Amino acid sequence: MWWKKVTFHNFFLAALILSVLSAAGILAVMSFLPPLIPLFYGKPTGMDQLAPTWFIFVIPSLSLFITFVNIFMNISAKDDFIKKFLAVGSLIVSLMATLTVVKIILLVGFF
């Protein structure tokens, strides 16, 4: 099985679960979100920061993409340190993405 070849596969599994739970959480509270949400914090304050509500799905999607790329890099890497680094990096990215989604939802949600 290819999954057993992945070093620290539990870290990758946790990263995948966090990303999926984040997307499911977005779906659960979608009706409580306004039509525009602040997503682009690097832009000047105002309308430039706002995006349609469905853009919030970009965050868990990117997290899933990074996790899958790291899984395939983990399988092909030779050095054990790099494999561990990719696993922990995926978990950190997924955790940060989930926290970002929760922060945005709590900031603008109508509960």
N, C-alpha and C. Protein backbone atom coordinates (compact mmCIF):
# COMPACT_ATOMS: atom_id res chain seq x y z
N MET A 1 0.84 -1.19 0.00
CA MET A 1 0.00 0.00 0.00
C MET A 1 0.87 1.24 0.00
N TRP A 2 0.50 2.19 -0.81
CA TRP A 2 1.30 3.42 -0.93
C TRP A 2 1.18 4.28 0.32
N TRP A 3 0.09 4.18 1.05
CA TRP A 3 -0.10 5.03 2.24
C TRP A 3 0.91 4.69 3.33
N LYS A 4 1.33 3.44 3.39
CA LYS A 4 2.30 3.02 4.40
C LYS A 4 3.71 3.53 4.07
N LYS A 5 3.95 3.90 2.81
CA LYS A 5 5.25 4.45 2.42
C LYS A 5 5.43 5.89 2.89
N VAL A 6 4.33 6.54 3.22
CA VAL A 6 4.37 7.95 3.61
C VAL A 6 4.86 8.05 5.05
N THR A 7 5.94 8.79 5.24
CA THR A 7 6.47 9.00 6.59
C THR A 7 5.55 9.95 7.33
N PHE A 8 5.27 9.67 8.59
CA PHE A 8 4.37 10.47 9.42
C PHE A 8 2.99 10.60 8.75
N HIS A 9 2.46 9.49 8.29
CA HIS A 9 1.17 9.55 7.58
C HIS A 9 0.04 10.05 8.49
N ASN A 10 0.20 9.94 9.80
CA ASN A 10 -0.83 10.46 10.70
C ASN A 10 -0.90 11.99 10.66
N PHE A 11 0.24 12.64 10.45
CA PHE A 11 0.25 14.09 10.31
C PHE A 11 -0.50 14.51 9.05
N PHE A 12 -0.26 13.78 7.96
CA PHE A 12 -0.96 14.08 6.71
C PHE A 12 -2.46 13.81 6.86
N LEU A 13 -2.80 12.75 7.55
CA LEU A 13 -4.20 12.43 7.77
C LEU A 13 -4.89 13.53 8.58
N ALA A 14 -4.21 14.02 9.61
CA ALA A 14 -4.77 15.12 10.42
C ALA A 14 -4.92 16.38 9.58
N ALA A 15 -3.96 16.65 8.70
CA ALA A 15 -4.05 17.82 7.82
C ALA A 15 -5.24 17.70 6.86
N LEU A 16 -5.42 16.53 6.31
CA LEU A 16 -6.55 16.31 5.40
C LEU A 16 -7.88 16.46 6.14
N ILE A 17 -7.97 15.90 7.33
CA ILE A 17 -9.21 16.00 8.11
C ILE A 17 -9.51 17.45 8.47
N LEU A 18 -8.49 18.20 8.88
CA LEU A 18 -8.70 19.62 9.20
C LEU A 18 -9.22 20.40 7.99
N SER A 19 -8.66 20.14 6.83
CA SER A 19 -9.09 20.86 5.63
C SER A 19 -10.53 20.50 5.26
N VAL A 20 -10.86 19.23 5.35
CA VAL A 20 -12.22 18.80 5.02
C VAL A 20 -13.22 19.35 6.05
N LEU A 21 -12.86 19.32 7.33
CA LEU A 21 -13.74 19.88 8.36
C LEU A 21 -13.92 21.39 8.17
N SER A 22 -12.87 22.05 7.74
CA SER A 22 -12.97 23.48 7.48
C SER A 22 -13.97 23.76 6.35
N ALA A 23 -13.87 23.00 5.28
CA ALA A 23 -14.81 23.17 4.17
C ALA A 23 -16.24 22.81 4.59
N ALA A 24 -16.39 21.77 5.40
CA ALA A 24 -17.72 21.39 5.88
C ALA A 24 -18.28 22.46 6.81
N GLY A 25 -17.42 23.04 7.63
CA GLY A 25 -17.87 24.13 8.50
C GLY A 25 -18.33 25.34 7.72
N ILE A 26 -17.64 25.63 6.63
CA ILE A 26 -18.07 26.74 5.78
C ILE A 26 -19.45 26.46 5.21
N LEU A 27 -19.65 25.25 4.73
CA LEU A 27 -20.97 24.89 4.20
C LEU A 27 -22.06 25.00 5.26
N ALA A 28 -21.71 24.65 6.49
CA ALA A 28 -22.70 24.67 7.57
C ALA A 28 -23.14 26.09 7.93
N VAL A 29 -22.23 27.05 7.84
CA VAL A 29 -22.56 28.43 8.24
C VAL A 29 -22.72 29.37 7.06
N MET A 30 -22.77 28.84 5.86
CA MET A 30 -22.85 29.68 4.65
C MET A 30 -24.06 30.61 4.68
N SER A 31 -25.17 30.18 5.24
CA SER A 31 -26.36 31.03 5.26
C SER A 31 -26.23 32.17 6.26
N PHE A 32 -25.28 32.09 7.19
CA PHE A 32 -25.08 33.14 8.18
C PHE A 32 -24.03 34.16 7.75
N LEU A 33 -23.43 33.98 6.58
CA LEU A 33 -22.38 34.88 6.12
C LEU A 33 -22.96 35.94 5.18
N PRO A 34 -22.39 37.14 5.20
CA PRO A 34 -22.87 38.20 4.29
C PRO A 34 -22.42 37.90 2.86
N PRO A 35 -22.97 38.62 1.89
CA PRO A 35 -22.60 38.36 0.49
C PRO A 35 -21.13 38.67 0.18
N LEU A 36 -20.53 39.59 0.92
CA LEU A 36 -19.11 39.92 0.74
C LEU A 36 -18.39 39.72 2.07
N ILE A 37 -17.21 39.10 1.99
CA ILE A 37 -16.43 38.85 3.20
C ILE A 37 -15.03 39.42 3.02
N PRO A 38 -14.39 39.84 4.11
CA PRO A 38 -13.00 40.32 4.00
C PRO A 38 -12.05 39.13 3.83
N LEU A 39 -11.39 39.08 2.71
CA LEU A 39 -10.52 37.95 2.43
C LEU A 39 -9.10 38.38 2.07
N PHE A 40 -8.97 39.51 1.40
CA PHE A 40 -7.67 39.97 0.93
C PHE A 40 -7.14 41.03 1.88
N TYR A 41 -6.55 40.59 2.99
CA TYR A 41 -6.10 41.52 4.02
C TYR A 41 -4.87 42.32 3.60
N GLY A 42 -4.17 41.89 2.58
CA GLY A 42 -2.98 42.60 2.11
C GLY A 42 -3.30 43.82 1.28
N LYS A 43 -4.54 43.95 0.85
CA LYS A 43 -4.93 45.10 0.04
C LYS A 43 -5.37 46.25 0.93
N PRO A 44 -5.46 47.46 0.36
CA PRO A 44 -5.89 48.62 1.16
C PRO A 44 -7.29 48.41 1.74
N THR A 45 -7.53 49.05 2.88
CA THR A 45 -8.82 48.94 3.56
C THR A 45 -9.93 49.44 2.65
N GLY A 46 -11.03 48.71 2.64
CA GLY A 46 -12.18 49.11 1.83
C GLY A 46 -12.66 47.97 0.97
N MET A 47 -13.23 48.34 -0.16
CA MET A 47 -13.82 47.36 -1.06
C MET A 47 -12.79 46.42 -1.68
N ASP A 48 -11.53 46.83 -1.71
CA ASP A 48 -10.49 45.97 -2.29
C ASP A 48 -10.28 44.70 -1.48
N GLN A 49 -10.59 44.74 -0.20
CA GLN A 49 -10.40 43.56 0.66
C GLN A 49 -11.55 42.56 0.55
N LEU A 50 -12.66 42.98 0.03
CA LEU A 50 -13.86 42.13 0.02
C LEU A 50 -13.90 41.21 -1.18
N ALA A 51 -14.49 40.05 -0.98
CA ALA A 51 -14.68 39.06 -2.03
C ALA A 51 -16.03 38.38 -1.80
N PRO A 52 -16.61 37.81 -2.85
CA PRO A 52 -17.86 37.06 -2.66
C PRO A 52 -17.68 35.93 -1.65
N THR A 53 -18.75 35.56 -1.01
CA THR A 53 -18.70 34.58 0.08
C THR A 53 -18.10 33.26 -0.36
N TRP A 54 -18.38 32.81 -1.55
CA TRP A 54 -17.89 31.50 -1.97
C TRP A 54 -16.37 31.48 -2.13
N PHE A 55 -15.71 32.64 -2.16
CA PHE A 55 -14.25 32.70 -2.24
C PHE A 55 -13.59 32.12 -0.99
N ILE A 56 -14.33 32.01 0.09
CA ILE A 56 -13.74 31.47 1.32
C ILE A 56 -13.35 30.00 1.15
N PHE A 57 -13.92 29.34 0.15
CA PHE A 57 -13.56 27.95 -0.14
C PHE A 57 -12.15 27.84 -0.72
N VAL A 58 -11.58 28.96 -1.13
CA VAL A 58 -10.21 28.94 -1.65
C VAL A 58 -9.23 28.54 -0.55
N ILE A 59 -9.51 28.94 0.68
CA ILE A 59 -8.58 28.67 1.78
C ILE A 59 -8.44 27.17 2.04
N PRO A 60 -9.52 26.42 2.29
CA PRO A 60 -9.33 24.97 2.49
C PRO A 60 -8.89 24.25 1.21
N SER A 61 -9.25 24.79 0.05
CA SER A 61 -8.81 24.16 -1.21
C SER A 61 -7.30 24.25 -1.36
N LEU A 62 -6.74 25.41 -1.07
CA LEU A 62 -5.29 25.56 -1.13
C LEU A 62 -4.60 24.67 -0.09
N SER A 63 -5.20 24.56 1.06
CA SER A 63 -4.65 23.70 2.10
C SER A 63 -4.63 22.24 1.64
N LEU A 64 -5.71 21.80 1.03
CA LEU A 64 -5.76 20.43 0.50
C LEU A 64 -4.73 20.24 -0.60
N PHE A 65 -4.61 21.22 -1.48
CA PHE A 65 -3.65 21.13 -2.58
C PHE A 65 -2.22 21.01 -2.04
N ILE A 66 -1.88 21.85 -1.08
CA ILE A 66 -0.54 21.81 -0.49
C ILE A 66 -0.30 20.47 0.20
N THR A 67 -1.30 19.95 0.87
CA THR A 67 -1.15 18.66 1.54
C THR A 67 -0.91 17.53 0.54
N PHE A 68 -1.67 17.52 -0.55
CA PHE A 68 -1.47 16.47 -1.56
C PHE A 68 -0.11 16.58 -2.24
N VAL A 69 0.32 17.80 -2.53
CA VAL A 69 1.65 17.98 -3.12
C VAL A 69 2.72 17.48 -2.15
N ASN A 70 2.56 17.80 -0.87
CA ASN A 70 3.54 17.34 0.12
C ASN A 70 3.53 15.83 0.29
N ILE A 71 2.37 15.21 0.15
CA ILE A 71 2.31 13.74 0.23
C ILE A 71 3.11 13.12 -0.92
N PHE A 72 2.91 13.63 -2.12
CA PHE A 72 3.64 13.06 -3.26
C PHE A 72 5.13 13.36 -3.19
N MET A 73 5.49 14.52 -2.66
CA MET A 73 6.91 14.83 -2.46
C MET A 73 7.49 13.94 -1.37
N ASN A 74 6.70 13.63 -0.36
CA ASN A 74 7.14 12.77 0.73
C ASN A 74 7.45 11.37 0.21
N ILE A 75 6.63 10.88 -0.67
CA ILE A 75 6.83 9.54 -1.22
C ILE A 75 8.11 9.48 -2.05
N SER A 76 8.37 10.55 -2.81
CA SER A 76 9.52 10.52 -3.70
C SER A 76 10.82 10.99 -3.05
N ALA A 77 10.75 11.61 -1.88
CA ALA A 77 11.96 12.12 -1.23
C ALA A 77 12.78 10.97 -0.65
N LYS A 78 14.08 11.19 -0.61
CA LYS A 78 14.99 10.18 -0.06
C LYS A 78 15.39 10.49 1.39
N ASP A 79 15.54 11.76 1.71
CA ASP A 79 16.01 12.16 3.03
C ASP A 79 14.87 12.10 4.04
N ASP A 80 15.15 11.50 5.18
CA ASP A 80 14.13 11.32 6.22
C ASP A 80 13.73 12.66 6.83
N PHE A 81 14.68 13.58 6.97
CA PHE A 81 14.36 14.90 7.54
C PHE A 81 13.38 15.65 6.65
N ILE A 82 13.57 15.59 5.35
CA ILE A 82 12.66 16.29 4.42
C ILE A 82 11.27 15.68 4.50
N LYS A 83 11.18 14.37 4.64
CA LYS A 83 9.88 13.72 4.76
C LYS A 83 9.15 14.19 6.02
N LYS A 84 9.87 14.27 7.11
CA LYS A 84 9.26 14.74 8.36
C LYS A 84 8.87 16.22 8.26
N PHE A 85 9.72 17.00 7.64
CA PHE A 85 9.46 18.43 7.46
C PHE A 85 8.20 18.65 6.62
N LEU A 86 8.02 17.88 5.56
CA LEU A 86 6.83 18.00 4.71
C LEU A 86 5.57 17.63 5.48
N ALA A 87 5.65 16.60 6.30
CA ALA A 87 4.49 16.16 7.08
C ALA A 87 4.08 17.21 8.09
N VAL A 88 5.04 17.72 8.83
CA VAL A 88 4.74 18.74 9.84
C VAL A 88 4.29 20.03 9.16
N GLY A 89 4.92 20.36 8.03
CA GLY A 89 4.52 21.56 7.29
C GLY A 89 3.08 21.50 6.81
N SER A 90 2.66 20.34 6.34
CA SER A 90 1.27 20.18 5.91
C SER A 90 0.30 20.38 7.05
N LEU A 91 0.64 19.83 8.20
CA LEU A 91 -0.23 19.98 9.36
C LEU A 91 -0.30 21.45 9.79
N ILE A 92 0.81 22.14 9.78
CA ILE A 92 0.82 23.55 10.17
C ILE A 92 0.02 24.39 9.18
N VAL A 93 0.17 24.14 7.88
CA VAL A 93 -0.59 24.88 6.88
C VAL A 93 -2.08 24.65 7.05
N SER A 94 -2.48 23.42 7.27
CA SER A 94 -3.90 23.11 7.46
C SER A 94 -4.45 23.74 8.74
N LEU A 95 -3.66 23.73 9.79
CA LEU A 95 -4.08 24.35 11.03
C LEU A 95 -4.24 25.86 10.87
N MET A 96 -3.29 26.49 10.21
CA MET A 96 -3.38 27.94 9.98
C MET A 96 -4.56 28.29 9.07
N ALA A 97 -4.80 27.47 8.06
CA ALA A 97 -5.93 27.71 7.16
C ALA A 97 -7.26 27.57 7.91
N THR A 98 -7.36 26.57 8.76
CA THR A 98 -8.58 26.37 9.54
C THR A 98 -8.80 27.53 10.50
N LEU A 99 -7.75 27.97 11.15
CA LEU A 99 -7.87 29.12 12.06
C LEU A 99 -8.27 30.39 11.31
N THR A 100 -7.76 30.56 10.10
CA THR A 100 -8.14 31.73 9.29
C THR A 100 -9.61 31.68 8.93
N VAL A 101 -10.09 30.51 8.54
CA VAL A 101 -11.51 30.37 8.20
C VAL A 101 -12.38 30.65 9.42
N VAL A 102 -12.01 30.10 10.57
CA VAL A 102 -12.78 30.33 11.80
C VAL A 102 -12.77 31.82 12.16
N LYS A 103 -11.62 32.48 12.02
CA LYS A 103 -11.55 33.90 12.33
C LYS A 103 -12.45 34.72 11.42
N ILE A 104 -12.43 34.44 10.14
CA ILE A 104 -13.28 35.18 9.19
C ILE A 104 -14.75 34.95 9.51
N ILE A 105 -15.11 33.69 9.78
CA ILE A 105 -16.51 33.38 10.07
C ILE A 105 -16.97 34.08 11.35
N LEU A 106 -16.15 34.05 12.39
CA LEU A 106 -16.53 34.71 13.63
C LEU A 106 -16.54 36.22 13.49
N LEU A 107 -15.74 36.75 12.59
CA LEU A 107 -15.68 38.20 12.39
C LEU A 107 -16.92 38.74 11.69
N VAL A 108 -17.41 38.04 10.68
CA VAL A 108 -18.51 38.60 9.88
C VAL A 108 -19.81 37.80 9.95
N GLY A 109 -19.82 36.67 10.63
CA GLY A 109 -21.02 35.85 10.67
C GLY A 109 -22.15 36.49 11.48
N PHE A 110 -23.35 36.28 11.03
CA PHE A 110 -24.55 36.77 11.73
C PHE A 110 -25.13 35.63 12.53
N PHE A 111 -24.71 35.46 13.77
CA PHE A 111 -25.20 34.37 14.61
C PHE A 111 -26.14 34.87 15.65
